[in-house]
Amino acid sequence: MKKILALVLALAVSPVSVALADAPSSAPQELLWASDGEANVPYVFHDPAHESRMTGFEYELADAIAQRLHRKATFIQNDWDGLIPGLSRGLYGMVLDGIEMTPEHKAAVLFSRPYYVTSERIIVRHDQNGLDTMEALKGHTVGTIKDTTAERMLRRQGGSNVRSYEEETNAFSDLRNGRLDAILLDAPIALYYGSISPDMKLVGEPIGSMEYGIAFSPENRELRDQVDAALGEIIKDGTLHRILARWNLWTPLMANYTGDNSQPDIAPTEWDHYRQAMANTTGSGWHVLARRYVSFLPLIGQAALMTLAVSALAMVLAVALGLLLALSRHYGGAPLRFVAGIYVEVVRGTPLLIQVLFIFYGLPAFGIRLSPFMAGVLSLGLNYAAYEAENYRAGLLSVARGQMEAAIALNMTHWQALRLVIVPQAFRTVVPVMTNDFISLLKDSSLVSVITLTELSQTYVRLSSTYYDYFGTGIMVGLAYLLLGLPFVRLARMAERRLGRGFSAGAGHH
C-alpha cells in the first residue's frame, strides 16, 4: 500500500530469524503480527470513537486466523519502514498492511495466498467533472501513494503531473485545498477517505486489479503454511466474506477470486460505525472541537510520559559518557585521545536516524537484542554524548591551567584535582548549553517512533491524520513539548545561580 519499495531493501538490514514457528508452547501460544496502524483506515487503525481501541478489517482477519490456529493474536505497532526489518529480526511472525503481491515483493518476502483482491479508484472534489478515466487525468496534477501500483500506472501512462505521498491523508488534504486535481488510490482507501467527505467523490469505474498478501520472513515457511491453511478455511466457510461485508469491502472481484457468489444478509455495521464516528468527531462547532480535544488529552499525556522517560534517561547517559570522553581527550594518553576523537567524529558525522535503526535492527546480527525502549535510550544517549563531550572539552579548556597546578601544589592527587577543582568550574560554564541540548533531545526523541515507540510526534501524526486536524492537534502537541522543556530551563537557571554563588563565596576566602 505505502512506500512499497522499502520491502525490497528491508531484508538487508539483519539476518532472518524465525521467531514464532519454533517458539516454546504456551496456553494459548501467541500469534504475533504487525502493522502500521497510525493512519491506515480501513486496514488497521484506531477507532475514532474510542482512540485506545484498535480495529480494521485486517485486524479482524488476524483474529480469525489466530482462532483457527488456536492461538491468541497479539498486535504490534510498527512504522511502515520498520515492518519488514522487524519481521526479519523476529519481533513478530507476520505482517498485514495491504502489501501488494508483486513479483518484486515476492522475491523479498514469503507471502500467503491472497486475502484481498482490489482495484484502483479516482477521487476528485465534489464540484469537479470529467476526470473519471485514466486518459482524462492526462494534463492534470494527480496524487497517489509512493511506490504503489497506482503510482506505476500513472507514470507508465505519462501525461500527468504525478505527486507521490508517504501518507494518503496528506494527499486528501492537498486535494481539498486545491493543490491536486485528482487522486488515484486503492479502492478501500478511496472508499473510506473519499466517499465519506462531503467535498469529495469517487468517479469512474474500478481500474485494474491487485492482490494483498500476508508477509512472512523467507525462513518462516512453517508458519506461512499454517496461516495459509487457516486462510483457506476462512475463505471456504464464508468467514472472510462476512468480515469484508461488515466493512463494506466485499466486491465482485472478491466473489470471482473466492468463488463465493452467495449474497448473505450482512449489514455493513463497521462501515456505518466508522461513518457515524467521523460525523460525531468532525465539524467546526466549538462543542465538537472541545469534546475532541478533551478526548486527546489521555493519549497526549501517555505519549508525553514516554517522550520524557526516553529523553531523561538518554540525557543522563549522554552527560556521563560525554564527560568521560571529554576527560579522555583532554587529559588521557594518546590511545585514549585517539579513540575518543574517533567516536566523537563518527557519531557527529552520521545521522541520528541511521544510528537508531542500526542499534535496533543491526545489532541483532551480533547477538545484541534490545527492547525498543532501551534501544531508543541508548541511541539518543550515545549520539548526544558526542556533542556533550565537545561542550565539556570547551568547558575544561576555559579553566585556567594554573588551577590544576595549584591543586597539585596543595597535595591533591590528579583525580582529586579533576573532581574537586577542574570539573566543577567547567560544569558551571556548560550548564546553559546542556539545557539547550536537552530541549533538542526532547524533540529528536521523535525519531524513536521508527522502532515501535509511540511518543508525542507519532501521536500527532495519528490524531491529525485521523481527523484532518493539523492545526489544533499541532498546538496541543507543541504545548506538550513546551511544558516538558520549561521545568528543565528553570532548573538550569537555578543551578547557574547556585553555582555562581558557590564560586563567589569560595573566592571570598582567599
Protein backbone atom coordinates (compact mmCIF):
# COMPACT_ATOMS: atom_id res chain seq x y z
CA MET A 1 0.00 0.00 0.00
CA LYS A 2 2.50 2.67 1.19
CA LYS A 3 6.20 3.03 0.44
CA ILE A 4 6.31 -0.42 -1.09
CA LEU A 5 9.91 -0.15 -2.29
CA ALA A 6 11.02 -0.44 1.33
CA LEU A 7 10.03 -4.11 1.24
CA VAL A 8 12.65 -4.97 -1.37
CA LEU A 9 15.50 -3.40 0.59
CA ALA A 10 14.49 -4.17 4.15
CA LEU A 11 15.81 -7.71 4.43
CA ALA A 12 19.37 -6.45 4.01
CA VAL A 13 19.21 -4.87 7.46
CA SER A 14 19.71 -8.01 9.52
CA PRO A 15 19.69 -11.79 9.19
CA VAL A 16 16.36 -13.53 9.21
CA SER A 17 15.35 -15.17 12.45
CA VAL A 18 12.40 -17.44 12.95
CA ALA A 19 10.50 -16.19 15.99
CA LEU A 20 7.18 -17.91 16.09
CA ALA A 21 7.15 -21.32 14.49
CA ASP A 22 9.85 -22.60 16.82
CA ALA A 23 8.72 -20.69 19.91
CA PRO A 24 8.04 -22.67 23.07
CA SER A 25 4.44 -23.72 23.51
CA SER A 26 2.11 -21.82 25.82
CA ALA A 27 -1.57 -21.82 26.56
CA PRO A 28 -2.57 -20.25 24.29
CA GLN A 29 0.50 -19.58 22.19
CA GLU A 30 0.66 -16.03 20.87
CA LEU A 31 0.43 -15.21 17.19
CA LEU A 32 2.46 -12.03 16.95
CA TRP A 33 1.64 -9.86 13.95
CA ALA A 34 2.42 -6.27 12.99
CA SER A 35 1.01 -3.40 11.00
CA ASP A 36 1.32 0.38 10.84
CA GLY A 37 -1.94 1.43 12.48
CA GLU A 38 -1.26 5.17 12.75
CA ALA A 39 -3.03 6.31 9.56
CA ASN A 40 -4.24 3.13 7.94
CA VAL A 41 -8.04 3.17 7.50
CA PRO A 42 -9.68 0.69 6.89
CA TYR A 43 -6.86 -1.87 7.26
CA VAL A 44 -5.68 -1.43 10.87
CA PHE A 45 -6.41 1.80 12.72
CA HIS A 46 -7.54 3.44 15.96
CA ASP A 47 -11.32 3.65 16.26
CA PRO A 48 -12.23 7.39 16.05
CA ALA A 49 -14.97 6.80 18.63
CA HIS A 50 -12.55 5.11 21.08
CA GLU A 51 -8.95 6.08 20.30
CA SER A 52 -7.47 3.38 22.53
CA ARG A 53 -9.25 0.60 20.58
CA MET A 54 -7.65 -0.95 17.51
CA THR A 55 -9.90 -2.05 14.68
CA GLY A 56 -9.94 -2.61 10.92
CA PHE A 57 -10.73 -5.46 8.54
CA GLU A 58 -7.15 -6.76 8.68
CA TYR A 59 -7.29 -6.61 12.48
CA GLU A 60 -10.39 -8.84 12.43
CA LEU A 61 -8.79 -11.14 9.85
CA ALA A 62 -5.73 -11.63 12.10
CA ASP A 63 -8.03 -12.55 14.99
CA ALA A 64 -9.89 -15.04 12.80
CA ILE A 65 -6.64 -16.67 11.66
CA ALA A 66 -5.38 -16.91 15.25
CA GLN A 67 -8.61 -18.61 16.34
CA ARG A 68 -8.19 -21.25 13.62
CA LEU A 69 -4.64 -21.88 14.84
CA HIS A 70 -5.81 -22.00 18.49
CA ARG A 71 -3.58 -19.06 19.33
CA LYS A 72 -4.02 -15.58 20.72
CA ALA A 73 -3.49 -12.79 18.19
CA THR A 74 -1.20 -10.05 19.55
CA PHE A 75 -0.91 -6.85 17.54
CA ILE A 76 2.40 -4.96 17.44
CA GLN A 77 2.51 -1.41 16.13
CA ASN A 78 5.45 -0.55 13.90
CA ASP A 79 6.19 2.21 11.45
CA TRP A 80 5.86 1.13 7.80
CA ASP A 81 9.59 1.36 7.15
CA GLY A 82 10.26 -0.91 10.13
CA LEU A 83 7.69 -3.62 9.41
CA ILE A 84 9.85 -5.95 7.33
CA PRO A 85 13.09 -5.32 9.32
CA GLY A 86 11.09 -6.17 12.44
CA LEU A 87 9.86 -9.33 10.74
CA SER A 88 13.39 -10.38 9.88
CA ARG A 89 14.54 -9.59 13.41
CA GLY A 90 11.90 -11.88 14.90
CA LEU A 91 9.82 -9.24 16.69
CA TYR A 92 6.69 -10.87 15.22
CA GLY A 93 5.75 -13.67 12.88
CA MET A 94 3.78 -11.96 10.13
CA VAL A 95 2.76 -8.58 8.67
CA LEU A 96 -0.66 -7.47 7.41
CA ASP A 97 -0.62 -3.99 5.92
CA GLY A 98 -2.20 -4.01 2.47
CA ILE A 99 1.06 -5.29 0.93
CA GLU A 100 0.77 -5.77 -2.81
CA MET A 101 1.89 -9.16 -4.10
CA THR A 102 4.09 -8.00 -6.95
CA PRO A 103 6.96 -10.13 -8.38
CA GLU A 104 9.48 -7.78 -6.74
CA HIS A 105 7.90 -8.22 -3.33
CA LYS A 106 7.60 -11.99 -3.72
CA ALA A 107 11.35 -12.08 -4.24
CA ALA A 108 11.90 -10.21 -0.96
CA VAL A 109 9.42 -11.87 1.43
CA LEU A 110 7.34 -15.01 1.72
CA PHE A 111 3.62 -14.47 1.05
CA SER A 112 0.45 -16.28 2.00
CA ARG A 113 -2.25 -16.79 -0.57
CA PRO A 114 -4.08 -13.52 -1.37
CA TYR A 115 -6.62 -12.46 1.23
CA TYR A 116 -7.97 -9.46 -0.69
CA VAL A 117 -8.26 -8.54 -4.36
CA THR A 118 -9.00 -4.92 -5.18
CA SER A 119 -8.61 -2.20 -7.79
CA GLU A 120 -7.73 1.49 -8.13
CA ARG A 121 -10.28 4.32 -7.88
CA ILE A 122 -10.25 8.00 -8.83
CA ILE A 123 -11.26 10.63 -6.25
CA VAL A 124 -11.99 14.27 -7.13
CA ARG A 125 -13.53 17.28 -5.43
CA HIS A 126 -17.31 17.29 -5.38
CA ASP A 127 -17.57 20.18 -7.85
CA GLN A 128 -15.30 18.58 -10.46
CA ASN A 129 -16.44 16.68 -13.53
CA GLY A 130 -14.80 14.89 -16.43
CA LEU A 131 -11.82 13.34 -14.63
CA ASP A 132 -13.29 9.84 -14.44
CA THR A 133 -10.81 7.81 -16.55
CA MET A 134 -7.06 7.35 -16.69
CA GLU A 135 -6.97 9.07 -20.07
CA ALA A 136 -8.83 12.07 -18.65
CA LEU A 137 -6.17 12.51 -15.96
CA LYS A 138 -3.58 13.49 -18.57
CA GLY A 139 -2.59 17.13 -18.25
CA HIS A 140 -3.70 17.29 -14.61
CA THR A 141 -1.96 17.13 -11.25
CA VAL A 142 -2.71 13.73 -9.71
CA GLY A 143 -1.76 12.49 -6.26
CA THR A 144 -1.08 8.93 -5.15
CA ILE A 145 0.93 6.93 -2.63
CA LYS A 146 4.63 6.41 -3.19
CA ASP A 147 5.80 3.08 -4.65
CA THR A 148 2.36 1.60 -5.31
CA THR A 149 0.60 0.10 -8.31
CA ALA A 150 -1.32 3.36 -8.71
CA GLU A 151 1.89 5.36 -9.00
CA ARG A 152 3.35 2.93 -11.52
CA MET A 153 0.15 3.10 -13.61
CA LEU A 154 0.25 6.91 -13.70
CA ARG A 155 3.94 7.08 -14.59
CA ARG A 156 3.60 4.33 -17.20
CA GLN A 157 0.76 6.23 -18.92
CA GLY A 158 2.51 9.59 -18.75
CA GLY A 159 0.97 12.98 -19.42
CA SER A 160 0.10 13.74 -15.77
CA ASN A 161 1.93 15.71 -13.12
CA VAL A 162 2.24 12.93 -10.54
CA ARG A 163 2.77 13.81 -6.89
CA SER A 164 3.63 10.90 -4.62
CA TYR A 165 2.90 10.94 -0.88
CA GLU A 166 4.05 8.94 2.12
CA GLU A 167 0.59 9.09 3.73
CA GLU A 168 -2.78 9.11 1.98
CA THR A 169 -4.17 11.72 4.40
CA ASN A 170 -1.72 14.31 3.04
CA ALA A 171 -2.94 13.63 -0.50
CA PHE A 172 -6.56 14.15 0.53
CA SER A 173 -5.63 17.39 2.31
CA ASP A 174 -3.96 18.68 -0.87
CA LEU A 175 -6.97 17.66 -2.97
CA ARG A 176 -9.25 19.52 -0.57
CA ASN A 177 -7.01 22.61 -0.70
CA GLY A 178 -6.85 22.64 -4.50
CA ARG A 179 -3.20 21.55 -4.84
CA LEU A 180 -4.32 18.39 -6.66
CA ASP A 181 -6.90 17.84 -9.38
CA ALA A 182 -7.48 14.17 -8.55
CA ILE A 183 -6.21 11.21 -6.54
CA LEU A 184 -5.69 7.61 -7.69
CA LEU A 185 -5.64 5.10 -4.80
CA ASP A 186 -6.56 1.57 -3.76
CA ALA A 187 -10.33 1.16 -3.61
CA PRO A 188 -10.56 0.56 0.19
CA ILE A 189 -8.67 3.78 0.93
CA ALA A 190 -10.70 5.70 -1.64
CA LEU A 191 -13.95 4.43 -0.11
CA TYR A 192 -13.11 5.26 3.49
CA TYR A 193 -11.35 8.57 2.93
CA GLY A 194 -13.03 9.93 -0.18
CA SER A 195 -16.65 8.88 -0.09
CA ILE A 196 -17.43 9.98 3.48
CA SER A 197 -16.22 13.56 2.88
CA PRO A 198 -18.98 15.85 1.56
CA ASP A 199 -16.45 17.81 -0.51
CA MET A 200 -15.10 14.72 -2.36
CA LYS A 201 -16.49 11.92 -4.51
CA LEU A 202 -15.41 8.69 -6.21
CA VAL A 203 -15.79 8.77 -10.01
CA GLY A 204 -15.45 6.34 -12.88
CA GLU A 205 -15.16 2.57 -12.88
CA PRO A 206 -12.65 0.48 -10.89
CA ILE A 207 -9.27 0.43 -12.67
CA GLY A 208 -7.03 -2.65 -12.88
CA SER A 209 -6.61 -5.17 -10.06
CA MET A 210 -4.07 -6.17 -7.39
CA GLU A 211 -3.76 -8.71 -4.59
CA TYR A 212 -2.84 -8.26 -0.94
CA GLY A 213 -0.94 -10.98 0.91
CA ILE A 214 0.33 -11.65 4.43
CA ALA A 215 4.13 -11.32 4.59
CA PHE A 216 6.48 -13.72 6.39
CA SER A 217 10.25 -13.95 6.61
CA PRO A 218 11.57 -16.33 3.91
CA GLU A 219 12.76 -18.86 6.51
CA ASN A 220 9.44 -18.97 8.35
CA ARG A 221 7.77 -21.28 5.87
CA GLU A 222 6.17 -23.44 8.56
CA LEU A 223 4.15 -20.54 9.97
CA ARG A 224 3.27 -19.40 6.44
CA ASP A 225 1.86 -22.84 5.64
CA GLN A 226 -0.19 -22.90 8.87
CA VAL A 227 -1.63 -19.44 8.18
CA ASP A 228 -2.26 -20.37 4.55
CA ALA A 229 -4.32 -23.38 5.63
CA ALA A 230 -6.28 -21.27 8.12
CA LEU A 231 -6.86 -18.62 5.48
CA GLY A 232 -8.18 -21.29 3.09
CA GLU A 233 -10.69 -22.40 5.74
CA ILE A 234 -11.76 -18.81 6.38
CA ILE A 235 -12.39 -18.28 2.68
CA LYS A 236 -14.20 -21.60 2.27
CA ASP A 237 -16.63 -21.27 5.19
CA GLY A 238 -17.54 -17.65 4.42
CA THR A 239 -15.78 -16.03 7.40
CA LEU A 240 -13.77 -13.73 5.13
CA HIS A 241 -16.96 -12.83 3.24
CA ARG A 242 -18.67 -11.85 6.49
CA ILE A 243 -15.72 -9.76 7.70
CA LEU A 244 -15.46 -7.86 4.44
CA ALA A 245 -19.23 -7.39 4.15
CA ARG A 246 -19.33 -5.78 7.59
CA TRP A 247 -16.68 -3.32 6.38
CA ASN A 248 -18.49 -2.74 3.07
CA LEU A 249 -15.49 -4.19 1.21
CA TRP A 250 -16.95 -7.30 -0.44
CA THR A 251 -16.78 -6.73 -4.21
CA PRO A 252 -17.30 -8.66 -7.45
CA LEU A 253 -13.51 -9.05 -7.64
CA MET A 254 -13.55 -10.91 -4.31
CA ALA A 255 -16.50 -13.04 -5.44
CA ASN A 256 -14.60 -14.07 -8.58
CA TYR A 257 -11.42 -14.79 -6.64
CA THR A 258 -13.03 -16.88 -3.89
CA GLY A 259 -15.81 -18.43 -5.99
CA ASP A 260 -18.24 -17.26 -3.29
CA ASN A 261 -21.22 -15.81 -5.15
CA SER A 262 -23.58 -16.01 -2.20
CA GLN A 263 -25.38 -12.91 -1.01
CA PRO A 264 -25.89 -13.26 2.74
CA ASP A 265 -27.88 -10.58 4.51
CA ILE A 266 -24.95 -8.95 6.32
CA ALA A 267 -25.30 -5.32 7.34
CA PRO A 268 -22.18 -3.12 6.86
CA THR A 269 -22.05 -2.42 10.60
CA GLU A 270 -18.37 -1.45 10.79
CA TRP A 271 -18.70 0.85 7.79
CA ASP A 272 -21.71 2.53 9.39
CA HIS A 273 -19.90 2.77 12.73
CA TYR A 274 -16.90 4.47 11.13
CA ARG A 275 -19.03 6.97 9.23
CA GLN A 276 -21.01 7.79 12.37
CA ALA A 277 -17.86 8.13 14.45
CA MET A 278 -16.32 10.51 11.92
CA ALA A 279 -19.56 12.51 11.76
CA ASN A 280 -19.57 12.83 15.55
CA THR A 281 -15.93 13.86 15.83
CA THR A 282 -15.60 16.20 12.86
CA GLY A 283 -17.00 19.65 12.44
CA SER A 284 -16.17 23.24 13.32
CA GLY A 285 -18.56 23.88 16.21
CA TRP A 286 -16.81 24.77 19.45
CA HIS A 287 -18.54 21.96 21.35
CA VAL A 288 -17.39 19.39 18.78
CA LEU A 289 -13.81 20.67 18.91
CA ALA A 290 -13.82 20.86 22.71
CA ARG A 291 -15.05 17.27 23.03
CA ARG A 292 -12.45 16.08 20.53
CA TYR A 293 -9.53 17.88 22.17
CA VAL A 294 -10.51 16.68 25.65
CA SER A 295 -10.51 13.12 24.33
CA PHE A 296 -6.96 13.70 23.05
CA LEU A 297 -5.57 14.57 26.50
CA PRO A 298 -5.02 11.00 27.82
CA LEU A 299 -3.24 9.96 24.59
CA ILE A 300 -1.04 13.05 24.55
CA GLY A 301 -0.32 12.59 28.26
CA GLN A 302 0.83 8.99 27.76
CA ALA A 303 2.97 10.00 24.79
CA ALA A 304 4.49 12.87 26.79
CA LEU A 305 5.47 10.50 29.59
CA MET A 306 7.16 8.18 27.08
CA THR A 307 8.97 11.13 25.49
CA LEU A 308 10.12 12.39 28.89
CA ALA A 309 11.29 8.97 30.08
CA VAL A 310 13.32 8.27 26.94
CA SER A 311 14.79 11.78 26.85
CA ALA A 312 15.69 11.99 30.54
CA LEU A 313 17.43 8.62 30.64
CA ALA A 314 19.21 9.36 27.37
CA MET A 315 20.45 12.70 28.73
CA VAL A 316 21.82 11.02 31.87
CA LEU A 317 23.76 8.64 29.65
CA ALA A 318 24.91 11.49 27.39
CA VAL A 319 26.16 13.58 30.32
CA ALA A 320 28.10 10.70 31.92
CA LEU A 321 29.64 9.40 28.70
CA GLY A 322 30.25 12.90 27.36
CA LEU A 323 32.22 13.86 30.47
CA LEU A 324 34.28 10.67 30.20
CA LEU A 325 35.04 11.38 26.53
CA ALA A 326 35.98 14.99 27.26
CA LEU A 327 38.37 13.99 30.07
CA SER A 328 39.88 11.31 27.82
CA ARG A 329 40.51 13.78 25.02
CA HIS A 330 41.91 16.45 27.32
CA TYR A 331 43.85 14.50 29.94
CA GLY A 332 44.13 10.95 28.59
CA GLY A 333 47.06 9.28 26.90
CA ALA A 334 47.47 9.12 23.14
CA PRO A 335 45.40 5.91 22.68
CA LEU A 336 42.50 7.31 24.75
CA ARG A 337 42.59 10.62 22.91
CA PHE A 338 42.55 8.82 19.57
CA VAL A 339 39.60 6.54 20.46
CA ALA A 340 37.57 9.37 21.99
CA GLY A 341 38.24 11.61 18.99
CA ILE A 342 37.19 8.92 16.52
CA TYR A 343 33.98 8.29 18.49
CA VAL A 344 33.03 11.97 18.53
CA GLU A 345 33.69 12.48 14.82
CA VAL A 346 31.90 9.31 13.69
CA VAL A 347 28.81 9.93 15.83
CA ARG A 348 28.56 13.61 14.90
CA GLY A 349 29.16 12.80 11.23
CA THR A 350 26.34 10.27 10.80
CA PRO A 351 22.56 10.88 11.01
CA LEU A 352 20.80 10.05 14.26
CA LEU A 353 18.09 8.13 12.38
CA ILE A 354 20.70 5.78 10.93
CA GLN A 355 22.12 5.22 14.40
CA VAL A 356 18.66 4.42 15.82
CA LEU A 357 17.94 1.89 13.07
CA PHE A 358 21.42 0.34 13.33
CA ILE A 359 21.19 -0.18 17.10
CA PHE A 360 17.68 -1.66 16.94
CA TYR A 361 17.83 -3.67 13.70
CA GLY A 362 21.56 -4.04 13.04
CA LEU A 363 22.96 -5.12 16.41
CA PRO A 364 20.92 -8.37 16.49
CA ALA A 365 23.29 -9.60 13.77
CA PHE A 366 25.92 -9.65 16.53
CA GLY A 367 23.61 -11.25 19.09
CA ILE A 368 22.66 -7.97 20.82
CA ARG A 369 18.88 -7.62 21.07
CA LEU A 370 17.47 -4.59 22.84
CA SER A 371 13.89 -3.67 23.61
CA PRO A 372 12.54 -0.65 21.70
CA PHE A 373 12.71 1.46 24.86
CA MET A 374 16.31 0.53 25.66
CA ALA A 375 17.34 0.95 22.02
CA GLY A 376 15.78 4.42 21.98
CA VAL A 377 17.54 5.48 25.18
CA LEU A 378 20.87 4.04 24.04
CA SER A 379 20.81 5.54 20.55
CA LEU A 380 19.86 9.02 21.78
CA GLY A 381 22.31 8.86 24.69
CA LEU A 382 25.25 7.70 22.57
CA ASN A 383 24.51 10.34 19.95
CA TYR A 384 24.23 13.26 22.34
CA ALA A 385 27.28 12.09 24.30
CA ALA A 386 29.43 13.17 21.35
CA TYR A 387 28.01 16.70 21.47
CA GLU A 388 28.22 16.87 25.26
CA ALA A 389 31.86 15.77 25.06
CA GLU A 390 32.70 18.78 22.92
CA ASN A 391 30.80 21.07 25.28
CA TYR A 392 32.68 19.73 28.30
CA ARG A 393 36.00 19.88 26.48
CA ALA A 394 35.38 23.55 25.79
CA GLY A 395 34.50 23.98 29.47
CA LEU A 396 37.68 22.24 30.56
CA LEU A 397 39.75 24.45 28.26
CA SER A 398 38.15 27.52 29.83
CA VAL A 399 39.60 26.61 33.24
CA ALA A 400 42.98 28.27 33.76
CA ARG A 401 45.94 25.88 33.68
CA GLY A 402 47.08 27.27 36.98
CA GLN A 403 44.07 25.75 38.72
CA MET A 404 45.42 22.24 38.20
CA GLU A 405 48.91 23.28 39.25
CA ALA A 406 47.55 24.94 42.41
CA ALA A 407 45.54 21.86 43.31
CA ILE A 408 48.58 19.61 42.88
CA ALA A 409 50.61 22.01 44.98
CA LEU A 410 48.00 21.63 47.73
CA ASN A 411 48.82 17.92 47.84
CA MET A 412 45.78 16.77 45.83
CA THR A 413 46.05 13.79 43.53
CA HIS A 414 45.41 14.28 39.83
CA TRP A 415 41.97 12.64 40.19
CA GLN A 416 41.08 14.79 43.22
CA ALA A 417 42.07 17.92 41.36
CA LEU A 418 39.84 16.99 38.43
CA ARG A 419 36.89 16.02 40.62
CA LEU A 420 37.04 18.87 43.14
CA VAL A 421 38.52 21.79 41.20
CA ILE A 422 38.55 21.46 37.43
CA VAL A 423 35.28 19.65 36.59
CA PRO A 424 33.02 21.81 38.84
CA GLN A 425 34.35 25.00 37.19
CA ALA A 426 33.97 23.52 33.71
CA PHE A 427 30.48 22.24 34.54
CA ARG A 428 29.39 25.72 35.56
CA THR A 429 30.20 27.11 32.12
CA VAL A 430 28.36 24.39 30.17
CA VAL A 431 25.08 24.29 32.15
CA PRO A 432 23.26 26.63 29.70
CA VAL A 433 24.47 24.57 26.74
CA MET A 434 23.35 21.35 28.44
CA THR A 435 19.87 22.81 28.86
CA ASN A 436 19.67 23.64 25.16
CA ASP A 437 20.88 20.16 24.31
CA PHE A 438 18.18 18.57 26.47
CA ILE A 439 15.49 20.61 24.70
CA SER A 440 16.93 19.42 21.38
CA LEU A 441 17.00 15.85 22.65
CA LEU A 442 13.31 16.10 23.60
CA LYS A 443 12.50 16.98 20.02
CA ASP A 444 14.89 14.44 18.49
CA SER A 445 13.20 11.71 20.54
CA SER A 446 10.54 11.75 17.80
CA LEU A 447 12.90 9.55 15.76
CA VAL A 448 12.36 6.60 18.11
CA SER A 449 8.90 6.22 16.59
CA VAL A 450 10.59 4.21 13.82
CA ILE A 451 11.32 1.42 16.33
CA THR A 452 7.72 0.99 17.57
CA LEU A 453 7.79 3.55 20.43
CA THR A 454 4.73 5.79 20.43
CA GLU A 455 5.80 9.24 21.62
CA LEU A 456 4.46 12.76 21.03
CA SER A 457 5.26 13.19 17.35
CA GLN A 458 3.80 9.79 16.46
CA THR A 459 0.67 10.63 18.43
CA TYR A 460 0.39 13.88 16.48
CA VAL A 461 0.61 12.01 13.17
CA ARG A 462 -2.10 9.59 14.23
CA LEU A 463 -4.56 12.14 15.59
CA SER A 464 -4.08 14.76 12.89
CA SER A 465 -4.39 12.24 10.06
CA THR A 466 -7.49 10.67 11.57
CA TYR A 467 -9.42 13.93 11.94
CA TYR A 468 -7.70 16.08 9.28
CA ASP A 469 -6.96 18.49 12.11
CA TYR A 470 -3.33 19.52 11.84
CA PHE A 471 -3.79 22.96 13.43
CA GLY A 472 -5.49 22.30 16.76
CA THR A 473 -3.73 18.97 17.31
CA GLY A 474 -0.40 20.55 16.42
CA ILE A 475 -0.91 23.28 19.01
CA MET A 476 -1.71 20.68 21.70
CA VAL A 477 1.35 18.58 20.93
CA GLY A 478 3.54 21.68 20.64
CA LEU A 479 2.35 22.81 24.08
CA ALA A 480 3.16 19.36 25.46
CA TYR A 481 6.75 19.67 24.20
CA LEU A 482 6.94 23.20 25.63
CA LEU A 483 5.64 22.12 29.04
CA LEU A 484 8.13 19.25 29.13
CA GLY A 485 11.05 21.57 28.46
CA LEU A 486 10.18 24.59 30.62
CA PRO A 487 10.87 22.96 34.02
CA PHE A 488 14.36 21.99 32.91
CA VAL A 489 15.06 25.54 31.74
CA ARG A 490 14.04 26.75 35.21
CA LEU A 491 16.20 24.13 36.92
CA ALA A 492 19.17 25.09 34.78
CA ARG A 493 18.82 28.75 35.72
CA MET A 494 18.59 27.82 39.41
CA ALA A 495 21.70 25.68 39.05
CA GLU A 496 23.56 28.54 37.34
CA ARG A 497 22.68 30.94 40.17
CA ARG A 498 23.57 28.41 42.83
CA LEU A 499 26.90 27.54 41.23
CA GLY A 500 27.60 31.23 40.74
CA ARG A 501 27.01 31.92 44.44
CA GLY A 502 29.13 28.91 45.41
CA PHE A 503 32.13 30.07 43.44
CA SER A 504 31.70 33.67 44.58
CA ALA A 505 31.63 32.56 48.22
CA GLY A 506 34.66 30.37 47.67
CA ALA A 507 36.54 33.29 46.13
CA GLY A 508 35.96 35.43 49.24
CA HIS A 509 38.05 33.10 51.48
CA HIS A 510 41.29 33.62 49.61
